[in-house]
C-alpha cells in the first residue's frame, strides 16, 4: 500500500468497526479521567478556604495530587499498553476478514500480559533514557559554560550555550528516531508471540527504510487527535463558562480529553498495525505465506473428511 492507501484503509477499518475500536480504547483514557476528576474534586475556588494556595488547591491536597499523578501515569501506561495490544488483535482479525469482539480482542492477549508490558516499558526506557542522558549532558555543558564565564569571559558562555542547544536538538532527534525505529515492537510481540528483545529487533528490521512514512503517519494522527481534543474541550468549556465553577470546568475538560482519547486514540494503532502487515508483505511475502497456510488448512480438512 502507498501512504495514501494506508490512510484510506485505516479510516475504512475504523469506520466499519467503530464500536469495536472505541470499546477497546476505553481503559487507558478512563484511568486518566478518574485521576482528573479526583483532582477537580480537590480543587477549590481561590480564596475559598484558609489553607488554600494562590492556585486554588489546598496545601494538603497537593501531596495527594502528586502521588495520585504518579499512580495515574503508571496506570495509564499499563492501560495504554494493554489497549494497544487488544487493538492490534482486533486489527489482525478484521484485516483478515475474521469476526471478533472487544471481549475476544482482550482474550487474545491473555497470558501475554507481562511480555506486552515489558515491550512497552523497554521501548519507553530506550526512547526517553537515551534522550535524557544527552539532555542532562547539554544542561551540564550550559551551566558549566555560565560558571566558566567569570574566568574565561563571555565567549565561553556563548560557545557553551550553542553546544548545549545543539545537544538538546540532538536529544530530540534521537528520541524521535528511536521511537520510530521501535514503533512496530508491540505489533511484532502480539502477532508473532515473540519475546521482548526479539520484538524490538523485529521492529527495527520492519521499520528500516520506511521511518519517514511512519513519522508522517504519527504526526498526522497526533494533529488529528489534538484537533478533536481541543474542539471538545473548548466546546465543553463554553457550556461550563456561565456557571463559573472551577470544579465543573476541570471536570468537563477531563471529559473532553477522555472522549478524544477513545475517539481518535485507536487510529494511530490501527495505522501502525497496517504498516506492520504491509512491511511483512513487502519484505517477507506474508500474503503468500498466509495463502499457503489457508490452502494447507483446507487440504488438511478435506483429508480428514475423506478419512
C-alpha atoms as a PDB file:
ATOM      1  CA  UNK A   1       0.000   0.000   0.000  1.00  0.00           C
ATOM      2  CA  UNK A   2       1.047   3.568  -0.643  1.00  0.00           C
ATOM      3  CA  UNK A   3       0.772   6.017   2.256  1.00  0.00           C
ATOM      4  CA  UNK A   4      -2.496   7.347   0.831  1.00  0.00           C
ATOM      5  CA  UNK A   5      -3.912   3.826   0.509  1.00  0.00           C
ATOM      6  CA  UNK A   6      -2.731   3.060   4.038  1.00  0.00           C
ATOM      7  CA  UNK A   7      -4.587   6.053   5.458  1.00  0.00           C
ATOM      8  CA  UNK A   8      -7.694   5.238   3.433  1.00  0.00           C
ATOM      9  CA  UNK A   9      -7.615   1.647   4.697  1.00  0.00           C
ATOM     10  CA  UNK A  10      -7.144   2.878   8.264  1.00  0.00           C
ATOM     11  CA  UNK A  11     -10.210   5.115   8.180  1.00  0.00           C
ATOM     12  CA  UNK A  12     -12.236   2.430   6.383  1.00  0.00           C
ATOM     13  CA  UNK A  13     -11.457  -0.209   9.021  1.00  0.00           C
ATOM     14  CA  UNK A  14     -12.125   2.285  11.802  1.00  0.00           C
ATOM     15  CA  UNK A  15     -15.457   3.405  10.337  1.00  0.00           C
ATOM     16  CA  UNK A  16     -16.677  -0.138   9.698  1.00  0.00           C
ATOM     17  CA  UNK A  17     -15.653  -1.300  13.193  1.00  0.00           C
ATOM     18  CA  UNK A  18     -16.218   1.933  15.109  1.00  0.00           C
ATOM     19  CA  UNK A  19     -17.827   0.421  18.219  1.00  0.00           C
ATOM     20  CA  UNK A  20     -15.205  -2.335  18.367  1.00  0.00           C
ATOM     21  CA  UNK A  21     -12.224   0.031  18.386  1.00  0.00           C
ATOM     22  CA  UNK A  22     -13.863   2.600  20.672  1.00  0.00           C
ATOM     23  CA  UNK A  23     -14.803  -0.155  23.122  1.00  0.00           C
ATOM     24  CA  UNK A  24     -11.252  -1.470  23.183  1.00  0.00           C
ATOM     25  CA  UNK A  25      -9.805   2.033  23.656  1.00  0.00           C
ATOM     26  CA  UNK A  26     -11.746   2.868  26.844  1.00  0.00           C
ATOM     27  CA  UNK A  27      -9.442   1.593  29.683  1.00  0.00           C
ATOM     28  CA  UNK A  28      -6.400   3.887  29.298  1.00  0.00           C
ATOM     29  CA  UNK A  29      -8.349   7.198  28.904  1.00  0.00           C
ATOM     30  CA  UNK A  30     -10.715   6.057  31.679  1.00  0.00           C
ATOM     31  CA  UNK A  31      -7.826   5.692  34.138  1.00  0.00           C
ATOM     32  CA  UNK A  32      -6.642   9.210  33.368  1.00  0.00           C
ATOM     33  CA  UNK A  33     -10.234  10.519  33.535  1.00  0.00           C
ATOM     34  CA  UNK A  34     -10.622   9.186  37.086  1.00  0.00           C
ATOM     35  CA  UNK A  35      -7.418  10.986  38.136  1.00  0.00           C
ATOM     36  CA  UNK A  36      -8.549  14.253  36.541  1.00  0.00           C
ATOM     37  CA  UNK A  37     -11.972  14.059  38.195  1.00  0.00           C
ATOM     38  CA  UNK A  38     -10.379  13.432  41.587  1.00  0.00           C
ATOM     39  CA  UNK A  39      -8.089  16.410  41.015  1.00  0.00           C
ATOM     40  CA  UNK A  40     -11.078  18.545  40.071  1.00  0.00           C
ATOM     41  CA  UNK A  41     -12.878  17.479  43.255  1.00  0.00           C
ATOM     42  CA  UNK A  42      -9.886  18.628  45.330  1.00  0.00           C
ATOM     43  CA  UNK A  43      -9.733  21.991  43.571  1.00  0.00           C
ATOM     44  CA  UNK A  44     -11.303  24.881  45.492  1.00  0.00           C
ATOM     45  CA  UNK A  45     -12.154  28.369  44.323  1.00  0.00           C
ATOM     46  CA  UNK A  46      -9.279  30.763  45.087  1.00  0.00           C
ATOM     47  CA  UNK A  47      -9.743  32.378  48.491  1.00  0.00           C
ATOM     48  CA  UNK A  48     -12.459  29.922  49.454  1.00  0.00           C
ATOM     49  CA  UNK A  49     -10.509  28.177  52.206  1.00  0.00           C
ATOM     50  CA  UNK A  50      -7.935  29.188  54.783  1.00  0.00           C
ATOM     51  CA  UNK A  51      -5.413  26.551  53.811  1.00  0.00           C
ATOM     52  CA  UNK A  52      -5.626  27.260  50.107  1.00  0.00           C
ATOM     53  CA  UNK A  53      -2.698  28.327  47.938  1.00  0.00           C
ATOM     54  CA  UNK A  54      -2.866  31.025  45.301  1.00  0.00           C
ATOM     55  CA  UNK A  55      -3.603  28.417  42.661  1.00  0.00           C
ATOM     56  CA  UNK A  56      -6.786  27.396  44.427  1.00  0.00           C
ATOM     57  CA  UNK A  57      -5.593  23.947  45.532  1.00  0.00           C
ATOM     58  CA  UNK A  58      -5.422  23.046  49.222  1.00  0.00           C
ATOM     59  CA  UNK A  59      -1.859  22.592  50.504  1.00  0.00           C
ATOM     60  CA  UNK A  60      -2.658  19.147  51.915  1.00  0.00           C
ATOM     61  CA  UNK A  61      -4.242  18.166  48.632  1.00  0.00           C
ATOM     62  CA  UNK A  62      -1.070  18.953  46.675  1.00  0.00           C
ATOM     63  CA  UNK A  63       0.731  15.917  48.096  1.00  0.00           C
ATOM     64  CA  UNK A  64      -2.218  13.712  47.286  1.00  0.00           C
ATOM     65  CA  UNK A  65      -2.357  15.108  43.744  1.00  0.00           C
ATOM     66  CA  UNK A  66       1.352  14.439  43.158  1.00  0.00           C
ATOM     67  CA  UNK A  67       1.110  10.876  44.469  1.00  0.00           C
ATOM     68  CA  UNK A  68      -2.102  10.329  42.542  1.00  0.00           C
ATOM     69  CA  UNK A  69      -0.454  11.686  39.390  1.00  0.00           C
ATOM     70  CA  UNK A  70       2.363   9.147  39.649  1.00  0.00           C
ATOM     71  CA  UNK A  71      -0.118   6.314  40.162  1.00  0.00           C
ATOM     72  CA  UNK A  72      -2.334   7.617  37.348  1.00  0.00           C
ATOM     73  CA  UNK A  73       0.590   7.860  34.907  1.00  0.00           C
ATOM     74  CA  UNK A  74       1.697   4.330  35.749  1.00  0.00           C
ATOM     75  CA  UNK A  75      -1.856   3.020  35.401  1.00  0.00           C
ATOM     76  CA  UNK A  76      -2.343   4.963  32.187  1.00  0.00           C
ATOM     77  CA  UNK A  77       0.833   3.495  30.668  1.00  0.00           C
ATOM     78  CA  UNK A  78      -0.196  -0.041  31.605  1.00  0.00           C
ATOM     79  CA  UNK A  79      -3.701   0.576  30.287  1.00  0.00           C
ATOM     80  CA  UNK A  80      -2.295   2.058  27.083  1.00  0.00           C
ATOM     81  CA  UNK A  81      -0.056  -0.967  26.514  1.00  0.00           C
ATOM     82  CA  UNK A  82      -2.941  -3.385  27.013  1.00  0.00           C
ATOM     83  CA  UNK A  83      -5.409  -1.408  24.883  1.00  0.00           C
ATOM     84  CA  UNK A  84      -2.830  -1.148  22.092  1.00  0.00           C
ATOM     85  CA  UNK A  85      -2.258  -4.902  22.203  1.00  0.00           C
ATOM     86  CA  UNK A  86      -6.013  -5.597  22.117  1.00  0.00           C
ATOM     87  CA  UNK A  87      -6.446  -3.115  19.256  1.00  0.00           C
ATOM     88  CA  UNK A  88      -3.692  -4.893  17.317  1.00  0.00           C
ATOM     89  CA  UNK A  89      -5.531  -8.185  17.852  1.00  0.00           C
ATOM     90  CA  UNK A  90      -8.731  -6.615  16.555  1.00  0.00           C
ATOM     91  CA  UNK A  91      -6.996  -5.118  13.509  1.00  0.00           C
ATOM     92  CA  UNK A  92      -5.450  -8.506  12.734  1.00  0.00           C
ATOM     93  CA  UNK A  93      -8.876 -10.094  12.806  1.00  0.00           C
ATOM     94  CA  UNK A  94     -10.794  -7.515  10.770  1.00  0.00           C
ATOM     95  CA  UNK A  95      -7.922  -7.021   8.306  1.00  0.00           C
ATOM     96  CA  UNK A  96      -8.010 -10.759   7.587  1.00  0.00           C
ATOM     97  CA  UNK A  97     -11.841 -10.757   7.455  1.00  0.00           C
ATOM     98  CA  UNK A  98     -12.288 -12.709  10.676  1.00  0.00           C
ATOM     99  CA  UNK A  99     -15.133 -11.833  13.081  1.00  0.00           C
ATOM    100  CA  UNK A 100     -14.112 -10.530  16.514  1.00  0.00           C
ATOM    101  CA  UNK A 101     -15.377  -8.527  19.505  1.00  0.00           C
ATOM    102  CA  UNK A 102     -13.996  -6.401  22.334  1.00  0.00           C
ATOM    103  CA  UNK A 103     -14.021  -9.415  24.636  1.00  0.00           C
ATOM    104  CA  UNK A 104     -12.252 -11.622  22.092  1.00  0.00           C
ATOM    105  CA  UNK A 105      -9.646  -8.935  21.416  1.00  0.00           C
ATOM    106  CA  UNK A 106      -8.721  -8.767  25.101  1.00  0.00           C
ATOM    107  CA  UNK A 107      -8.947 -12.551  25.448  1.00  0.00           C
ATOM    108  CA  UNK A 108      -6.405 -12.822  22.634  1.00  0.00           C
ATOM    109  CA  UNK A 109      -3.700 -11.204  24.768  1.00  0.00           C
ATOM    110  CA  UNK A 110      -4.432 -13.299  27.836  1.00  0.00           C
ATOM    111  CA  UNK A 111      -1.276 -14.971  29.067  1.00  0.00           C
ATOM    112  CA  UNK A 112       0.959 -12.421  27.345  1.00  0.00           C
ATOM    113  CA  UNK A 113       0.308  -9.512  29.731  1.00  0.00           C
ATOM    114  CA  UNK A 114       3.820  -9.196  31.190  1.00  0.00           C
ATOM    115  CA  UNK A 115       5.504  -9.641  27.826  1.00  0.00           C
ATOM    116  CA  UNK A 116       3.440  -6.804  26.349  1.00  0.00           C
ATOM    117  CA  UNK A 117       4.160  -4.581  29.354  1.00  0.00           C
ATOM    118  CA  UNK A 118       7.848  -5.481  29.007  1.00  0.00           C
ATOM    119  CA  UNK A 119       7.947  -4.416  25.357  1.00  0.00           C
ATOM    120  CA  UNK A 120       6.112  -1.173  26.088  1.00  0.00           C
ATOM    121  CA  UNK A 121       8.334  -0.375  29.081  1.00  0.00           C
ATOM    122  CA  UNK A 122      11.589  -1.219  27.310  1.00  0.00           C
ATOM    123  CA  UNK A 123      10.704   0.965  24.340  1.00  0.00           C
ATOM    124  CA  UNK A 124       9.904   3.825  26.741  1.00  0.00           C
ATOM    125  CA  UNK A 125      13.219   3.359  28.578  1.00  0.00           C
ATOM    126  CA  UNK A 126      15.228   3.217  25.347  1.00  0.00           C
ATOM    127  CA  UNK A 127      13.500   6.223  23.784  1.00  0.00           C
ATOM    128  CA  UNK A 128      13.390   8.516  26.806  1.00  0.00           C
ATOM    129  CA  UNK A 129      16.506   7.185  28.531  1.00  0.00           C
ATOM    130  CA  UNK A 130      18.875   7.862  25.647  1.00  0.00           C
ATOM    131  CA  UNK A 131      17.408  11.316  25.051  1.00  0.00           C
ATOM    132  CA  UNK A 132      17.511  12.150  28.751  1.00  0.00           C
ATOM    133  CA  UNK A 133      21.234  11.382  29.016  1.00  0.00           C
ATOM    134  CA  UNK A 134      22.019  13.760  26.149  1.00  0.00           C
ATOM    135  CA  UNK A 135      19.693  16.393  27.617  1.00  0.00           C
ATOM    136  CA  UNK A 136      21.389  16.203  31.029  1.00  0.00           C
ATOM    137  CA  UNK A 137      24.778  16.470  29.345  1.00  0.00           C
ATOM    138  CA  UNK A 138      23.527  19.559  27.497  1.00  0.00           C
ATOM    139  CA  UNK A 139      22.396  21.143  30.744  1.00  0.00           C
ATOM    140  CA  UNK A 140      25.748  20.378  32.378  1.00  0.00           C
ATOM    141  CA  UNK A 141      27.590  21.955  29.454  1.00  0.00           C
ATOM    142  CA  UNK A 142      25.396  25.053  29.507  1.00  0.00           C
ATOM    143  CA  UNK A 143      25.651  25.668  33.252  1.00  0.00           C
ATOM    144  CA  UNK A 144      29.360  24.854  33.160  1.00  0.00           C
ATOM    145  CA  UNK A 145      29.866  27.476  30.473  1.00  0.00           C
ATOM    146  CA  UNK A 146      27.949  30.035  32.508  1.00  0.00           C
ATOM    147  CA  UNK A 147      30.090  29.267  35.541  1.00  0.00           C
ATOM    148  CA  UNK A 148      33.265  29.491  33.454  1.00  0.00           C
ATOM    149  CA  UNK A 149      32.305  32.912  32.138  1.00  0.00           C
ATOM    150  CA  UNK A 150      33.860  34.547  35.220  1.00  0.00           C
ATOM    151  CA  UNK A 151      37.303  33.284  34.264  1.00  0.00           C
ATOM    152  CA  UNK A 152      37.122  32.623  30.526  1.00  0.00           C
ATOM    153  CA  UNK A 153      34.882  35.501  29.501  1.00  0.00           C
ATOM    154  CA  UNK A 154      31.604  35.905  27.633  1.00  0.00           C
ATOM    155  CA  UNK A 155      32.806  33.875  24.655  1.00  0.00           C
ATOM    156  CA  UNK A 156      32.826  30.715  26.795  1.00  0.00           C
ATOM    157  CA  UNK A 157      29.185  31.308  27.718  1.00  0.00           C
ATOM    158  CA  UNK A 158      28.194  31.761  24.078  1.00  0.00           C
ATOM    159  CA  UNK A 159      30.043  28.601  22.979  1.00  0.00           C
ATOM    160  CA  UNK A 160      28.595  26.635  25.900  1.00  0.00           C
ATOM    161  CA  UNK A 161      25.064  27.823  25.101  1.00  0.00           C
ATOM    162  CA  UNK A 162      25.457  26.851  21.429  1.00  0.00           C
ATOM    163  CA  UNK A 163      26.832  23.421  22.316  1.00  0.00           C
ATOM    164  CA  UNK A 164      24.073  22.907  24.890  1.00  0.00           C
ATOM    165  CA  UNK A 165      21.361  23.895  22.402  1.00  0.00           C
ATOM    166  CA  UNK A 166      22.841  21.561  19.779  1.00  0.00           C
ATOM    167  CA  UNK A 167      22.849  18.719  22.320  1.00  0.00           C
ATOM    168  CA  UNK A 168      19.193  19.358  23.188  1.00  0.00           C
ATOM    169  CA  UNK A 169      18.245  19.285  19.491  1.00  0.00           C
ATOM    170  CA  UNK A 170      20.258  16.078  19.120  1.00  0.00           C
ATOM    171  CA  UNK A 171      18.388  14.563  22.080  1.00  0.00           C
ATOM    172  CA  UNK A 172      15.019  15.365  20.488  1.00  0.00           C
ATOM    173  CA  UNK A 173      16.066  13.930  17.119  1.00  0.00           C
ATOM    174  CA  UNK A 174      17.460  10.813  18.800  1.00  0.00           C
ATOM    175  CA  UNK A 175      14.235  10.303  20.764  1.00  0.00           C
ATOM    176  CA  UNK A 176      12.107  10.600  17.627  1.00  0.00           C
ATOM    177  CA  UNK A 177      14.426   8.275  15.686  1.00  0.00           C
ATOM    178  CA  UNK A 178      14.335   5.595  18.396  1.00  0.00           C
ATOM    179  CA  UNK A 179      10.562   5.918  18.767  1.00  0.00           C
ATOM    180  CA  UNK A 180      10.054   5.370  15.030  1.00  0.00           C
ATOM    181  CA  UNK A 181      12.591   2.518  14.977  1.00  0.00           C
ATOM    182  CA  UNK A 182      10.693   0.584  17.655  1.00  0.00           C
ATOM    183  CA  UNK A 183       7.157   1.701  16.766  1.00  0.00           C
ATOM    184  CA  UNK A 184       6.232  -1.786  15.495  1.00  0.00           C
ATOM    185  CA  UNK A 185       7.562  -3.704  18.518  1.00  0.00           C
ATOM    186  CA  UNK A 186       4.173  -4.222  20.188  1.00  0.00           C
ATOM    187  CA  UNK A 187       2.692  -5.413  16.880  1.00  0.00           C
ATOM    188  CA  UNK A 188       5.519  -7.920  16.467  1.00  0.00           C
ATOM    189  CA  UNK A 189       5.107  -9.147  20.047  1.00  0.00           C
ATOM    190  CA  UNK A 190       1.325  -9.574  19.782  1.00  0.00           C
ATOM    191  CA  UNK A 191       1.071 -11.053  16.289  1.00  0.00           C
ATOM    192  CA  UNK A 192       4.194 -13.227  16.278  1.00  0.00           C
ATOM    193  CA  UNK A 193       4.178 -14.072  20.002  1.00  0.00           C
ATOM    194  CA  UNK A 194       7.918 -13.442  20.412  1.00  0.00           C
ATOM    195  CA  UNK A 195       9.988 -12.323  23.437  1.00  0.00           C
ATOM    196  CA  UNK A 196      10.633  -8.699  24.400  1.00  0.00           C
ATOM    197  CA  UNK A 197      14.117  -8.213  22.927  1.00  0.00           C
ATOM    198  CA  UNK A 198      13.209 -10.082  19.763  1.00  0.00           C
ATOM    199  CA  UNK A 199      10.165  -7.838  19.342  1.00  0.00           C
ATOM    200  CA  UNK A 200      12.386  -4.754  19.309  1.00  0.00           C
ATOM    201  CA  UNK A 201      14.722  -6.376  16.787  1.00  0.00           C
ATOM    202  CA  UNK A 202      11.776  -7.276  14.547  1.00  0.00           C
ATOM    203  CA  UNK A 203      10.515  -3.705  14.727  1.00  0.00           C
ATOM    204  CA  UNK A 204      13.925  -2.341  13.750  1.00  0.00           C
ATOM    205  CA  UNK A 205      14.005  -4.708  10.769  1.00  0.00           C
ATOM    206  CA  UNK A 206      10.472  -3.939   9.577  1.00  0.00           C
ATOM    207  CA  UNK A 207      10.834  -0.173  10.091  1.00  0.00           C
ATOM    208  CA  UNK A 208      14.071   0.012   8.109  1.00  0.00           C
ATOM    209  CA  UNK A 209      13.622   2.189   5.044  1.00  0.00           C
ATOM    210  CA  UNK A 210      10.158   3.500   5.985  1.00  0.00           C
ATOM    211  CA  UNK A 211      10.897   5.696   9.006  1.00  0.00           C
ATOM    212  CA  UNK A 212       9.762   8.848   7.224  1.00  0.00           C
ATOM    213  CA  UNK A 213       6.480   7.133   6.366  1.00  0.00           C
ATOM    214  CA  UNK A 214       5.938   6.036   9.976  1.00  0.00           C
ATOM    215  CA  UNK A 215       6.751   9.514  11.299  1.00  0.00           C
ATOM    216  CA  UNK A 216       4.359  11.101   8.787  1.00  0.00           C
ATOM    217  CA  UNK A 217       1.519   8.823   9.885  1.00  0.00           C
ATOM    218  CA  UNK A 218       2.160   9.548  13.569  1.00  0.00           C
ATOM    219  CA  UNK A 219       2.300  13.307  13.013  1.00  0.00           C
ATOM    220  CA  UNK A 220      -0.947  13.224  11.036  1.00  0.00           C
ATOM    221  CA  UNK A 221      -2.843  11.352  13.728  1.00  0.00           C
ATOM    222  CA  UNK A 222      -1.256  13.420  16.519  1.00  0.00           C
ATOM    223  CA  UNK A 223      -2.560  16.584  14.836  1.00  0.00           C
ATOM    224  CA  UNK A 224      -5.967  14.960  14.350  1.00  0.00           C
ATOM    225  CA  UNK A 225      -6.069  13.881  17.985  1.00  0.00           C
ATOM    226  CA  UNK A 226      -5.109  17.371  19.165  1.00  0.00           C
ATOM    227  CA  UNK A 227      -7.752  18.973  16.916  1.00  0.00           C
ATOM    228  CA  UNK A 228     -10.502  16.691  18.227  1.00  0.00           C
ATOM    229  CA  UNK A 229      -9.363  17.185  21.829  1.00  0.00           C
ATOM    230  CA  UNK A 230      -9.241  20.990  21.563  1.00  0.00           C
ATOM    231  CA  UNK A 231     -12.627  21.109  19.823  1.00  0.00           C
ATOM    232  CA  UNK A 232     -14.254  19.028  22.545  1.00  0.00           C
ATOM    233  CA  UNK A 233     -12.526  20.866  25.405  1.00  0.00           C
ATOM    234  CA  UNK A 234     -13.370  24.341  24.089  1.00  0.00           C
ATOM    235  CA  UNK A 235     -16.932  23.282  23.364  1.00  0.00           C
ATOM    236  CA  UNK A 236     -17.432  21.907  26.876  1.00  0.00           C
ATOM    237  CA  UNK A 237     -15.704  24.970  28.380  1.00  0.00           C
ATOM    238  CA  UNK A 238     -18.273  27.152  26.630  1.00  0.00           C
ATOM    239  CA  UNK A 239     -21.025  25.099  28.258  1.00  0.00           C
ATOM    240  CA  UNK A 240     -19.445  25.429  31.716  1.00  0.00           C
ATOM    241  CA  UNK A 241     -18.485  29.130  31.453  1.00  0.00           C
ATOM    242  CA  UNK A 242     -21.842  30.584  32.654  1.00  0.00           C
ATOM    243  CA  UNK A 243     -21.647  28.535  35.876  1.00  0.00           C
ATOM    244  CA  UNK A 244     -18.207  29.977  36.820  1.00  0.00           C
ATOM    245  CA  UNK A 245     -17.267  26.768  38.624  1.00  0.00           C
ATOM    246  CA  UNK A 246     -13.610  25.718  38.699  1.00  0.00           C
ATOM    247  CA  UNK A 247     -14.594  22.133  39.511  1.00  0.00           C
ATOM    248  CA  UNK A 248     -17.125  21.931  36.669  1.00  0.00           C
ATOM    249  CA  UNK A 249     -14.711  23.368  34.107  1.00  0.00           C
ATOM    250  CA  UNK A 250     -11.959  20.943  35.201  1.00  0.00           C
ATOM    251  CA  UNK A 251     -14.387  18.003  35.095  1.00  0.00           C
ATOM    252  CA  UNK A 252     -15.632  18.905  31.596  1.00  0.00           C
ATOM    253  CA  UNK A 253     -12.040  19.363  30.384  1.00  0.00           C
ATOM    254  CA  UNK A 254     -11.318  15.866  31.664  1.00  0.00           C
ATOM    255  CA  UNK A 255     -14.399  14.544  29.886  1.00  0.00           C
ATOM    256  CA  UNK A 256     -13.299  16.191  26.627  1.00  0.00           C
ATOM    257  CA  UNK A 257      -9.841  14.622  26.901  1.00  0.00           C
ATOM    258  CA  UNK A 258     -11.423  11.227  27.607  1.00  0.00           C
ATOM    259  CA  UNK A 259     -13.737  11.431  24.588  1.00  0.00           C
ATOM    260  CA  UNK A 260     -10.864  12.492  22.325  1.00  0.00           C
ATOM    261  CA  UNK A 261      -8.798   9.584  23.623  1.00  0.00           C
ATOM    262  CA  UNK A 262     -11.377   6.925  22.824  1.00  0.00           C
ATOM    263  CA  UNK A 263     -12.410   8.506  19.506  1.00  0.00           C
ATOM    264  CA  UNK A 264      -9.014   9.337  17.982  1.00  0.00           C
ATOM    265  CA  UNK A 265      -6.683   7.192  20.096  1.00  0.00           C
ATOM    266  CA  UNK A 266      -7.144   3.908  18.180  1.00  0.00           C
ATOM    267  CA  UNK A 267      -6.388   5.441  14.771  1.00  0.00           C
ATOM    268  CA  UNK A 268      -2.595   5.509  15.114  1.00  0.00           C
ATOM    269  CA  UNK A 269      -2.540   1.929  16.416  1.00  0.00           C
ATOM    270  CA  UNK A 270      -4.738   0.765  13.537  1.00  0.00           C
ATOM    271  CA  UNK A 271      -2.467   2.543  11.045  1.00  0.00           C
ATOM    272  CA  UNK A 272       0.729   1.120  12.568  1.00  0.00           C
ATOM    273  CA  UNK A 273      -0.774  -2.369  12.538  1.00  0.00           C
ATOM    274  CA  UNK A 274      -1.468  -1.989   8.818  1.00  0.00           C
ATOM    275  CA  UNK A 275       2.083  -0.705   8.318  1.00  0.00           C
ATOM    276  CA  UNK A 276       3.342  -3.818  10.125  1.00  0.00           C
ATOM    277  CA  UNK A 277       1.419  -6.146   7.808  1.00  0.00           C
ATOM    278  CA  UNK A 278       2.328  -4.123   4.744  1.00  0.00           C
ATOM    279  CA  UNK A 279       6.042  -4.373   5.542  1.00  0.00           C
ATOM    280  CA  UNK A 280       5.764  -8.114   6.133  1.00  0.00           C
ATOM    281  CA  UNK A 281       4.152  -8.403   2.707  1.00  0.00           C
ATOM    282  CA  UNK A 282       6.933  -6.323   1.136  1.00  0.00           C
ATOM    283  CA  UNK A 283       9.876  -7.939   2.901  1.00  0.00           C
ATOM    284  CA  UNK A 284       8.663 -11.454   3.707  1.00  0.00           C
ATOM    285  CA  UNK A 285       5.835 -12.158   1.221  1.00  0.00           C
ATOM    286  CA  UNK A 286       3.439 -12.510   4.146  1.00  0.00           C
ATOM    287  CA  UNK A 287       0.442 -12.594   1.821  1.00  0.00           C
ATOM    288  CA  UNK A 288       1.827 -15.699   0.107  1.00  0.00           C
ATOM    289  CA  UNK A 289       2.589 -17.297   3.490  1.00  0.00           C
ATOM    290  CA  UNK A 290      -0.978 -16.640   4.605  1.00  0.00           C
ATOM    291  CA  UNK A 291      -2.414 -18.001   1.362  1.00  0.00           C
ATOM    292  CA  UNK A 292      -0.323 -21.173   1.641  1.00  0.00           C
ATOM    293  CA  UNK A 293      -1.368 -21.632   5.276  1.00  0.00           C
ATOM    294  CA  UNK A 294      -5.020 -21.275   4.241  1.00  0.00           C
ATOM    295  CA  UNK A 295      -4.610 -23.811   1.460  1.00  0.00           C
ATOM    296  CA  UNK A 296      -2.821 -26.216   3.805  1.00  0.00           C
ATOM    297  CA  UNK A 297      -5.689 -25.862   6.272  1.00  0.00           C
ATOM    298  CA  UNK A 298      -8.261 -26.608   3.587  1.00  0.00           C
ATOM    299  CA  UNK A 299      -6.319 -29.613   2.336  1.00  0.00           C
ATOM    300  CA  UNK A 300      -5.986 -30.973   5.870  1.00  0.00           C
ATOM    301  CA  UNK A 301      -9.715 -30.532   6.406  1.00  0.00           C
ATOM    302  CA  UNK A 302     -10.517 -32.317   3.135  1.00  0.00           C
ATOM    303  CA  UNK A 303      -8.144 -35.175   4.035  1.00  0.00           C
ATOM    304  CA  UNK A 304      -9.749 -35.536   7.434  1.00  0.00           C
ATOM    305  CA  UNK A 305     -13.220 -35.610   5.865  1.00  0.00           C
ATOM    306  CA  UNK A 306     -12.163 -38.232   3.340  1.00  0.00           C
ATOM    307  CA  UNK A 307     -10.726 -40.474   6.008  1.00  0.00           C
END
